[in-house]
């Protein structure tokens, strides 16, 4: 099996873009303990927000697929979880 160099470049860019925002947090930690605590708090709030958004999007994938495939009352039943997700995001 031959590895495509373009896919290696794409993976490297993806990895670098994922790691780059976190490099700013390491530079700021040594300056001031209070600033470091605020930075860590902001970072963990960001991580939790990303987790919640990812789980919400993933839980919407199955009902969307079911809506595309099912008809009639089954389609209406598949829309119920999306209504709950939409109402919960307000």
PDB file of N, CA and C in Angstrom:
ATOM      1  N   UNK A   1       0.836  -1.173   0.000  1.00  0.00           N
ATOM      2  CA  UNK A   1       0.000   0.000   0.000  1.00  0.00           C
ATOM      3  C   UNK A   1       0.883   1.238   0.000  1.00  0.00           C
ATOM      4  N   UNK A   2       0.611   2.142  -0.894  1.00  0.00           N
ATOM      5  CA  UNK A   2       1.411   3.352  -1.039  1.00  0.00           C
ATOM      6  C   UNK A   2       0.712   4.514  -0.340  1.00  0.00           C
ATOM      7  N   UNK A   3       1.453   5.282   0.434  1.00  0.00           N
ATOM      8  CA  UNK A   3       0.898   6.425   1.152  1.00  0.00           C
ATOM      9  C   UNK A   3       1.010   7.656   0.263  1.00  0.00           C
ATOM     10  N   UNK A   4      -0.087   8.349   0.125  1.00  0.00           N
ATOM     11  CA  UNK A   4      -0.140   9.547  -0.693  1.00  0.00           C
ATOM     12  C   UNK A   4       0.488  10.716   0.063  1.00  0.00           C
ATOM     13  N   UNK A   5       1.483  11.412  -0.536  1.00  0.00           N
ATOM     14  CA  UNK A   5       2.122  12.524   0.180  1.00  0.00           C
ATOM     15  C   UNK A   5       1.152  13.681   0.455  1.00  0.00           C
ATOM     16  N   UNK A   6       0.151  13.841  -0.387  1.00  0.00           N
ATOM     17  CA  UNK A   6      -0.826  14.909  -0.169  1.00  0.00           C
ATOM     18  C   UNK A   6      -1.619  14.640   1.107  1.00  0.00           C
ATOM     19  N   UNK A   7      -1.966  13.383   1.353  1.00  0.00           N
ATOM     20  CA  UNK A   7      -2.707  13.077   2.573  1.00  0.00           C
ATOM     21  C   UNK A   7      -1.843  13.316   3.810  1.00  0.00           C
ATOM     22  N   UNK A   8      -0.520  13.092   3.702  1.00  0.00           N
ATOM     23  CA  UNK A   8       0.377  13.391   4.816  1.00  0.00           C
ATOM     24  C   UNK A   8       0.429  14.892   5.085  1.00  0.00           C
ATOM     25  N   UNK A   9       0.422  15.691   4.028  1.00  0.00           N
ATOM     26  CA  UNK A   9       0.441  17.142   4.184  1.00  0.00           C
ATOM     27  C   UNK A   9      -0.861  17.610   4.820  1.00  0.00           C
ATOM     28  N   UNK A  10      -1.981  17.075   4.364  1.00  0.00           N
ATOM     29  CA  UNK A  10      -3.275  17.443   4.932  1.00  0.00           C
ATOM     30  C   UNK A  10      -3.347  17.074   6.415  1.00  0.00           C
ATOM     31  N   UNK A  11      -2.868  15.882   6.746  1.00  0.00           N
ATOM     32  CA  UNK A  11      -2.874  15.459   8.143  1.00  0.00           C
ATOM     33  C   UNK A  11      -1.979  16.360   8.982  1.00  0.00           C
ATOM     34  N   UNK A  12      -0.820  16.724   8.456  1.00  0.00           N
ATOM     35  CA  UNK A  12       0.091  17.608   9.172  1.00  0.00           C
ATOM     36  C   UNK A  12      -0.522  18.983   9.401  1.00  0.00           C
ATOM     37  N   UNK A  13      -1.198  19.509   8.376  1.00  0.00           N
ATOM     38  CA  UNK A  13      -1.860  20.807   8.532  1.00  0.00           C
ATOM     39  C   UNK A  13      -2.994  20.734   9.540  1.00  0.00           C
ATOM     40  N   UNK A  14      -3.735  19.637   9.514  1.00  0.00           N
ATOM     41  CA  UNK A  14      -4.819  19.460  10.474  1.00  0.00           C
ATOM     42  C   UNK A  14      -4.270  19.387  11.895  1.00  0.00           C
ATOM     43  N   UNK A  15      -3.210  18.638  12.066  1.00  0.00           N
ATOM     44  CA  UNK A  15      -2.592  18.509  13.387  1.00  0.00           C
ATOM     45  C   UNK A  15      -2.028  19.846  13.865  1.00  0.00           C
ATOM     46  N   UNK A  16      -1.375  20.582  12.964  1.00  0.00           N
ATOM     47  CA  UNK A  16      -0.813  21.879  13.341  1.00  0.00           C
ATOM     48  C   UNK A  16      -1.908  22.880  13.675  1.00  0.00           C
ATOM     49  N   UNK A  17      -2.999  22.870  12.906  1.00  0.00           N
ATOM     50  CA  UNK A  17      -4.085  23.813  13.182  1.00  0.00           C
ATOM     51  C   UNK A  17      -4.796  23.463  14.485  1.00  0.00           C
ATOM     52  N   UNK A  18      -4.789  22.208  14.873  1.00  0.00           N
ATOM     53  CA  UNK A  18      -5.408  21.818  16.137  1.00  0.00           C
ATOM     54  C   UNK A  18      -4.501  22.165  17.318  1.00  0.00           C
ATOM     55  N   UNK A  19      -3.196  22.108  17.133  1.00  0.00           N
ATOM     56  CA  UNK A  19      -2.264  22.346  18.228  1.00  0.00           C
ATOM     57  C   UNK A  19      -1.883  23.817  18.377  1.00  0.00           C
ATOM     58  N   UNK A  20      -1.989  24.604  17.315  1.00  0.00           N
ATOM     59  CA  UNK A  20      -1.541  25.997  17.354  1.00  0.00           C
ATOM     60  C   UNK A  20      -2.267  26.849  18.395  1.00  0.00           C
ATOM     61  N   UNK A  21      -3.603  26.786  18.512  1.00  0.00           N
ATOM     62  CA  UNK A  21      -4.262  27.642  19.512  1.00  0.00           C
ATOM     63  C   UNK A  21      -3.818  27.358  20.947  1.00  0.00           C
ATOM     64  N   UNK A  22      -3.402  26.135  21.234  1.00  0.00           N
ATOM     65  CA  UNK A  22      -3.010  25.780  22.592  1.00  0.00           C
ATOM     66  C   UNK A  22      -1.606  26.261  22.936  1.00  0.00           C
ATOM     67  N   UNK A  23      -0.806  26.609  21.939  1.00  0.00           N
ATOM     68  CA  UNK A  23       0.550  27.078  22.220  1.00  0.00           C
ATOM     69  C   UNK A  23       0.537  28.432  22.913  1.00  0.00           C
ATOM     70  N   UNK A  24      -0.487  29.226  22.706  1.00  0.00           N
ATOM     71  CA  UNK A  24      -0.580  30.525  23.360  1.00  0.00           C
ATOM     72  C   UNK A  24      -0.781  30.375  24.865  1.00  0.00           C
ATOM     73  N   UNK A  25      -1.430  29.313  25.296  1.00  0.00           N
ATOM     74  CA  UNK A  25      -1.673  29.108  26.723  1.00  0.00           C
ATOM     75  C   UNK A  25      -0.384  28.778  27.467  1.00  0.00           C
ATOM     76  N   UNK A  26       0.507  28.053  26.847  1.00  0.00           N
ATOM     77  CA  UNK A  26       1.745  27.684  27.526  1.00  0.00           C
ATOM     78  C   UNK A  26       2.659  28.883  27.705  1.00  0.00           C
ATOM     79  N   UNK A  27       2.639  29.837  26.795  1.00  0.00           N
ATOM     80  CA  UNK A  27       3.493  31.006  26.899  1.00  0.00           C
ATOM     81  C   UNK A  27       3.008  31.953  27.992  1.00  0.00           C
ATOM     82  N   UNK A  28       1.729  31.939  28.285  1.00  0.00           N
ATOM     83  CA  UNK A  28       1.153  32.883  29.218  1.00  0.00           C
ATOM     84  C   UNK A  28       1.216  32.407  30.670  1.00  0.00           C
ATOM     85  N   UNK A  29       1.407  31.143  30.902  1.00  0.00           N
ATOM     86  CA  UNK A  29       1.316  30.563  32.237  1.00  0.00           C
ATOM     87  C   UNK A  29       2.382  31.106  33.182  1.00  0.00           C
ATOM     88  N   UNK A  30       3.588  31.374  32.714  1.00  0.00           N
ATOM     89  CA  UNK A  30       4.685  31.782  33.584  1.00  0.00           C
ATOM     90  C   UNK A  30       4.621  33.243  34.010  1.00  0.00           C
ATOM     91  N   UNK A  31       3.749  34.047  33.432  1.00  0.00           N
ATOM     92  CA  UNK A  31       3.757  35.477  33.703  1.00  0.00           C
ATOM     93  C   UNK A  31       3.168  35.833  35.066  1.00  0.00           C
ATOM     94  N   UNK A  32       1.946  35.433  35.303  1.00  0.00           N
ATOM     95  CA  UNK A  32       1.244  35.850  36.516  1.00  0.00           C
ATOM     96  C   UNK A  32       0.333  34.707  36.953  1.00  0.00           C
ATOM     97  N   UNK A  33       0.368  34.316  38.216  1.00  0.00           N
ATOM     98  CA  UNK A  33      -0.472  33.200  38.648  1.00  0.00           C
ATOM     99  C   UNK A  33      -1.969  33.459  38.450  1.00  0.00           C
ATOM    100  N   UNK A  34      -2.403  34.681  38.677  1.00  0.00           N
ATOM    101  CA  UNK A  34      -3.825  34.996  38.497  1.00  0.00           C
ATOM    102  C   UNK A  34      -4.196  34.945  37.022  1.00  0.00           C
ATOM    103  N   UNK A  35      -3.323  35.468  36.163  1.00  0.00           N
ATOM    104  CA  UNK A  35      -3.580  35.403  34.722  1.00  0.00           C
ATOM    105  C   UNK A  35      -3.564  33.958  34.241  1.00  0.00           C
ATOM    106  N   UNK A  36      -2.690  33.154  34.818  1.00  0.00           N
ATOM    107  CA  UNK A  36      -2.630  31.739  34.449  1.00  0.00           C
ATOM    108  C   UNK A  36      -3.919  31.026  34.832  1.00  0.00           C
ATOM    109  N   UNK A  37      -4.457  31.339  35.999  1.00  0.00           N
ATOM    110  CA  UNK A  37      -5.708  30.712  36.439  1.00  0.00           C
ATOM    111  C   UNK A  37      -6.865  31.111  35.531  1.00  0.00           C
ATOM    112  N   UNK A  38      -6.914  32.396  35.149  1.00  0.00           N
ATOM    113  CA  UNK A  38      -7.971  32.843  34.248  1.00  0.00           C
ATOM    114  C   UNK A  38      -7.819  32.202  32.881  1.00  0.00           C
ATOM    115  N   UNK A  39      -6.586  32.052  32.422  1.00  0.00           N
ATOM    116  CA  UNK A  39      -6.335  31.426  31.138  1.00  0.00           C
ATOM    117  C   UNK A  39      -6.761  29.955  31.163  1.00  0.00           C
ATOM    118  N   UNK A  40      -6.448  29.272  32.250  1.00  0.00           N
ATOM    119  CA  UNK A  40      -6.826  27.864  32.363  1.00  0.00           C
ATOM    120  C   UNK A  40      -8.342  27.722  32.429  1.00  0.00           C
ATOM    121  N   UNK A  41      -8.991  28.634  33.125  1.00  0.00           N
ATOM    122  CA  UNK A  41     -10.451  28.587  33.210  1.00  0.00           C
ATOM    123  C   UNK A  41     -11.068  28.801  31.832  1.00  0.00           C
ATOM    124  N   UNK A  42     -10.547  29.767  31.093  1.00  0.00           N
ATOM    125  CA  UNK A  42     -11.054  30.026  29.741  1.00  0.00           C
ATOM    126  C   UNK A  42     -10.827  28.819  28.840  1.00  0.00           C
ATOM    127  N   UNK A  43      -9.664  28.205  28.964  1.00  0.00           N
ATOM    128  CA  UNK A  43      -9.328  27.042  28.146  1.00  0.00           C
ATOM    129  C   UNK A  43     -10.304  25.891  28.415  1.00  0.00           C
ATOM    130  N   UNK A  44     -10.570  25.596  29.681  1.00  0.00           N
ATOM    131  CA  UNK A  44     -11.454  24.475  29.993  1.00  0.00           C
ATOM    132  C   UNK A  44     -12.895  24.775  29.606  1.00  0.00           C
ATOM    133  N   UNK A  45     -13.303  26.033  29.699  1.00  0.00           N
ATOM    134  CA  UNK A  45     -14.632  26.396  29.199  1.00  0.00           C
ATOM    135  C   UNK A  45     -14.734  26.165  27.706  1.00  0.00           C
ATOM    136  N   UNK A  46     -13.668  26.468  26.967  1.00  0.00           N
ATOM    137  CA  UNK A  46     -13.637  26.229  25.529  1.00  0.00           C
ATOM    138  C   UNK A  46     -13.707  24.734  25.227  1.00  0.00           C
ATOM    139  N   UNK A  47     -12.941  23.936  25.959  1.00  0.00           N
ATOM    140  CA  UNK A  47     -12.938  22.486  25.738  1.00  0.00           C
ATOM    141  C   UNK A  47     -14.322  21.896  25.998  1.00  0.00           C
ATOM    142  N   UNK A  48     -14.963  22.295  27.084  1.00  0.00           N
ATOM    143  CA  UNK A  48     -16.295  21.773  27.402  1.00  0.00           C
ATOM    144  C   UNK A  48     -17.301  22.210  26.347  1.00  0.00           C
ATOM    145  N   UNK A  49     -17.205  23.443  25.868  1.00  0.00           N
ATOM    146  CA  UNK A  49     -18.114  23.919  24.825  1.00  0.00           C
ATOM    147  C   UNK A  49     -17.951  23.116  23.541  1.00  0.00           C
ATOM    148  N   UNK A  50     -16.727  22.833  23.172  1.00  0.00           N
ATOM    149  CA  UNK A  50     -16.473  22.037  21.960  1.00  0.00           C
ATOM    150  C   UNK A  50     -17.038  20.635  22.117  1.00  0.00           C
ATOM    151  N   UNK A  51     -16.882  20.030  23.281  1.00  0.00           N
ATOM    152  CA  UNK A  51     -17.421  18.693  23.528  1.00  0.00           C
ATOM    153  C   UNK A  51     -18.946  18.699  23.416  1.00  0.00           C
ATOM    154  N   UNK A  52     -19.589  19.693  24.018  1.00  0.00           N
ATOM    155  CA  UNK A  52     -21.055  19.760  23.980  1.00  0.00           C
ATOM    156  C   UNK A  52     -21.557  19.958  22.556  1.00  0.00           C
ATOM    157  N   UNK A  53     -20.927  20.835  21.794  1.00  0.00           N
ATOM    158  CA  UNK A  53     -21.345  21.069  20.407  1.00  0.00           C
ATOM    159  C   UNK A  53     -21.129  19.823  19.560  1.00  0.00           C
ATOM    160  N   UNK A  54     -20.016  19.133  19.765  1.00  0.00           N
ATOM    161  CA  UNK A  54     -19.737  17.911  19.001  1.00  0.00           C
ATOM    162  C   UNK A  54     -20.753  16.816  19.298  1.00  0.00           C
ATOM    163  N   UNK A  55     -21.079  16.625  20.562  1.00  0.00           N
ATOM    164  CA  UNK A  55     -22.054  15.601  20.931  1.00  0.00           C
ATOM    165  C   UNK A  55     -23.437  15.949  20.396  1.00  0.00           C
ATOM    166  N   UNK A  56     -23.795  17.227  20.438  1.00  0.00           N
ATOM    167  CA  UNK A  56     -25.097  17.638  19.901  1.00  0.00           C
ATOM    168  C   UNK A  56     -25.182  17.395  18.396  1.00  0.00           C
ATOM    169  N   UNK A  57     -24.127  17.730  17.688  1.00  0.00           N
ATOM    170  CA  UNK A  57     -24.114  17.500  16.237  1.00  0.00           C
ATOM    171  C   UNK A  57     -24.149  16.010  15.916  1.00  0.00           C
ATOM    172  N   UNK A  58     -23.414  15.215  16.684  1.00  0.00           N
ATOM    173  CA  UNK A  58     -23.406  13.770  16.440  1.00  0.00           C
ATOM    174  C   UNK A  58     -24.762  13.146  16.749  1.00  0.00           C
ATOM    175  N   UNK A  59     -25.443  13.651  17.780  1.00  0.00           N
ATOM    176  CA  UNK A  59     -26.749  13.078  18.112  1.00  0.00           C
ATOM    177  C   UNK A  59     -27.808  13.488  17.111  1.00  0.00           C
ATOM    178  N   UNK A  60     -27.559  14.499  16.299  1.00  0.00           N
ATOM    179  CA  UNK A  60     -28.502  14.909  15.270  1.00  0.00           C
ATOM    180  C   UNK A  60     -28.304  14.129  13.971  1.00  0.00           C
ATOM    181  N   UNK A  61     -27.200  13.443  13.803  1.00  0.00           N
ATOM    182  CA  UNK A  61     -26.894  12.758  12.545  1.00  0.00           C
ATOM    183  C   UNK A  61     -27.854  11.608  12.259  1.00  0.00           C
ATOM    184  N   UNK A  62     -28.157  10.798  13.236  1.00  0.00           N
ATOM    185  CA  UNK A  62     -29.045   9.653  13.018  1.00  0.00           C
ATOM    186  C   UNK A  62     -30.474  10.067  12.690  1.00  0.00           C
ATOM    187  N   UNK A  63     -31.075  11.011  13.407  1.00  0.00           N
ATOM    188  CA  UNK A  63     -32.420  11.439  13.010  1.00  0.00           C
ATOM    189  C   UNK A  63     -32.472  12.067  11.615  1.00  0.00           C
ATOM    190  N   UNK A  64     -31.439  12.781  11.228  1.00  0.00           N
ATOM    191  CA  UNK A  64     -31.417  13.361   9.871  1.00  0.00           C
ATOM    192  C   UNK A  64     -31.386  12.259   8.825  1.00  0.00           C
ATOM    193  N   UNK A  65     -30.596  11.223   9.053  1.00  0.00           N
ATOM    194  CA  UNK A  65     -30.557  10.095   8.121  1.00  0.00           C
ATOM    195  C   UNK A  65     -31.910   9.385   8.080  1.00  0.00           C
ATOM    196  N   UNK A  66     -32.557   9.259   9.229  1.00  0.00           N
ATOM    197  CA  UNK A  66     -33.861   8.599   9.281  1.00  0.00           C
ATOM    198  C   UNK A  66     -34.921   9.428   8.561  1.00  0.00           C
ATOM    199  N   UNK A  67     -34.878  10.741   8.691  1.00  0.00           N
ATOM    200  CA  UNK A  67     -35.840  11.603   7.995  1.00  0.00           C
ATOM    201  C   UNK A  67     -35.713  11.441   6.489  1.00  0.00           C
ATOM    202  N   UNK A  68     -34.492  11.299   5.998  1.00  0.00           N
ATOM    203  CA  UNK A  68     -34.272  11.128   4.554  1.00  0.00           C
ATOM    204  C   UNK A  68     -34.815   9.793   4.057  1.00  0.00           C
ATOM    205  N   UNK A  69     -34.802   8.756   4.904  1.00  0.00           N
ATOM    206  CA  UNK A  69     -35.154   7.414   4.454  1.00  0.00           C
ATOM    207  C   UNK A  69     -36.598   7.016   4.742  1.00  0.00           C
ATOM    208  N   UNK A  70     -37.160   7.519   5.821  1.00  0.00           N
ATOM    209  CA  UNK A  70     -38.478   7.078   6.243  1.00  0.00           C
ATOM    210  C   UNK A  70     -39.562   7.989   5.692  1.00  0.00           C
ATOM    211  N   UNK A  71     -40.794   7.472   5.696  1.00  0.00           N
ATOM    212  CA  UNK A  71     -41.935   8.246   5.206  1.00  0.00           C
ATOM    213  C   UNK A  71     -43.067   8.188   6.235  1.00  0.00           C
ATOM    214  N   UNK A  72     -43.996   9.130   6.100  1.00  0.00           N
ATOM    215  CA  UNK A  72     -45.201   9.120   6.925  1.00  0.00           C
ATOM    216  C   UNK A  72     -44.939   9.411   8.383  1.00  0.00           C
ATOM    217  N   UNK A  73     -45.582   8.607   9.234  1.00  0.00           N
ATOM    218  CA  UNK A  73     -45.468   8.842  10.678  1.00  0.00           C
ATOM    219  C   UNK A  73     -44.071   8.531  11.216  1.00  0.00           C
ATOM    220  N   UNK A  74     -43.371   7.625  10.563  1.00  0.00           N
ATOM    221  CA  UNK A  74     -42.007   7.338  10.991  1.00  0.00           C
ATOM    222  C   UNK A  74     -41.117   8.565  10.816  1.00  0.00           C
ATOM    223  N   UNK A  75     -41.347   9.295   9.728  1.00  0.00           N
ATOM    224  CA  UNK A  75     -40.570  10.513   9.501  1.00  0.00           C
ATOM    225  C   UNK A  75     -40.859  11.536  10.597  1.00  0.00           C
ATOM    226  N   UNK A  76     -42.119  11.650  10.987  1.00  0.00           N
ATOM    227  CA  UNK A  76     -42.482  12.576  12.061  1.00  0.00           C
ATOM    228  C   UNK A  76     -41.827  12.142  13.384  1.00  0.00           C
ATOM    229  N   UNK A  77     -41.785  10.835  13.622  1.00  0.00           N
ATOM    230  CA  UNK A  77     -41.147  10.326  14.836  1.00  0.00           C
ATOM    231  C   UNK A  77     -39.637  10.612  14.825  1.00  0.00           C
ATOM    232  N   UNK A  78     -39.033  10.569  13.636  1.00  0.00           N
ATOM    233  CA  UNK A  78     -37.601  10.854  13.529  1.00  0.00           C
ATOM    234  C   UNK A  78     -37.309  12.339  13.742  1.00  0.00           C
ATOM    235  N   UNK A  79     -38.310  13.202  13.528  1.00  0.00           N
ATOM    236  CA  UNK A  79     -38.112  14.639  13.724  1.00  0.00           C
ATOM    237  C   UNK A  79     -38.165  15.037  15.199  1.00  0.00           C
ATOM    238  N   UNK A  80     -38.755  14.214  16.034  1.00  0.00           N
ATOM    239  CA  UNK A  80     -38.921  14.552  17.457  1.00  0.00           C
ATOM    240  C   UNK A  80     -37.583  14.839  18.161  1.00  0.00           C
ATOM    241  N   UNK A  81     -36.543  14.022  17.988  1.00  0.00           N
ATOM    242  CA  UNK A  81     -35.282  14.341  18.659  1.00  0.00           C
ATOM    243  C   UNK A  81     -34.667  15.662  18.183  1.00  0.00           C
ATOM    244  N   UNK A  82     -34.880  16.001  16.906  1.00  0.00           N
ATOM    245  CA  UNK A  82     -34.347  17.265  16.407  1.00  0.00           C
ATOM    246  C   UNK A  82     -35.094  18.455  17.015  1.00  0.00           C
ATOM    247  N   UNK A  83     -36.384  18.272  17.243  1.00  0.00           N
ATOM    248  CA  UNK A  83     -37.162  19.336  17.895  1.00  0.00           C
ATOM    249  C   UNK A  83     -36.633  19.548  19.324  1.00  0.00           C
ATOM    250  N   UNK A  84     -36.363  18.445  20.022  1.00  0.00           N
ATOM    251  CA  UNK A  84     -35.827  18.544  21.381  1.00  0.00           C
ATOM    252  C   UNK A  84     -34.460  19.227  21.370  1.00  0.00           C
ATOM    253  N   UNK A  85     -33.590  18.857  20.421  1.00  0.00           N
ATOM    254  CA  UNK A  85     -32.272  19.503  20.322  1.00  0.00           C
ATOM    255  C   UNK A  85     -32.415  20.986  20.018  1.00  0.00           C
ATOM    256  N   UNK A  86     -33.327  21.321  19.119  1.00  0.00           N
ATOM    257  CA  UNK A  86     -33.532  22.732  18.772  1.00  0.00           C
ATOM    258  C   UNK A  86     -34.075  23.530  19.935  1.00  0.00           C
ATOM    259  N   UNK A  87     -34.987  22.936  20.680  1.00  0.00           N
ATOM    260  CA  UNK A  87     -35.564  23.628  21.822  1.00  0.00           C
ATOM    261  C   UNK A  87     -34.531  23.760  22.951  1.00  0.00           C
ATOM    262  N   UNK A  88     -33.695  22.761  23.108  1.00  0.00           N
ATOM    263  CA  UNK A  88     -32.679  22.786  24.161  1.00  0.00           C
ATOM    264  C   UNK A  88     -31.566  23.781  23.894  1.00  0.00           C
ATOM    265  N   UNK A  89     -31.349  24.154  22.642  1.00  0.00           N
ATOM    266  CA  UNK A  89     -30.265  25.083  22.321  1.00  0.00           C
ATOM    267  C   UNK A  89     -30.659  26.532  22.528  1.00  0.00           C
ATOM    268  N   UNK A  90     -31.925  26.780  22.851  1.00  0.00           N
ATOM    269  CA  UNK A  90     -32.368  28.173  23.059  1.00  0.00           C
ATOM    270  C   UNK A  90     -31.980  28.614  24.382  1.00  0.00           C
TER     271      UNK A  90
END
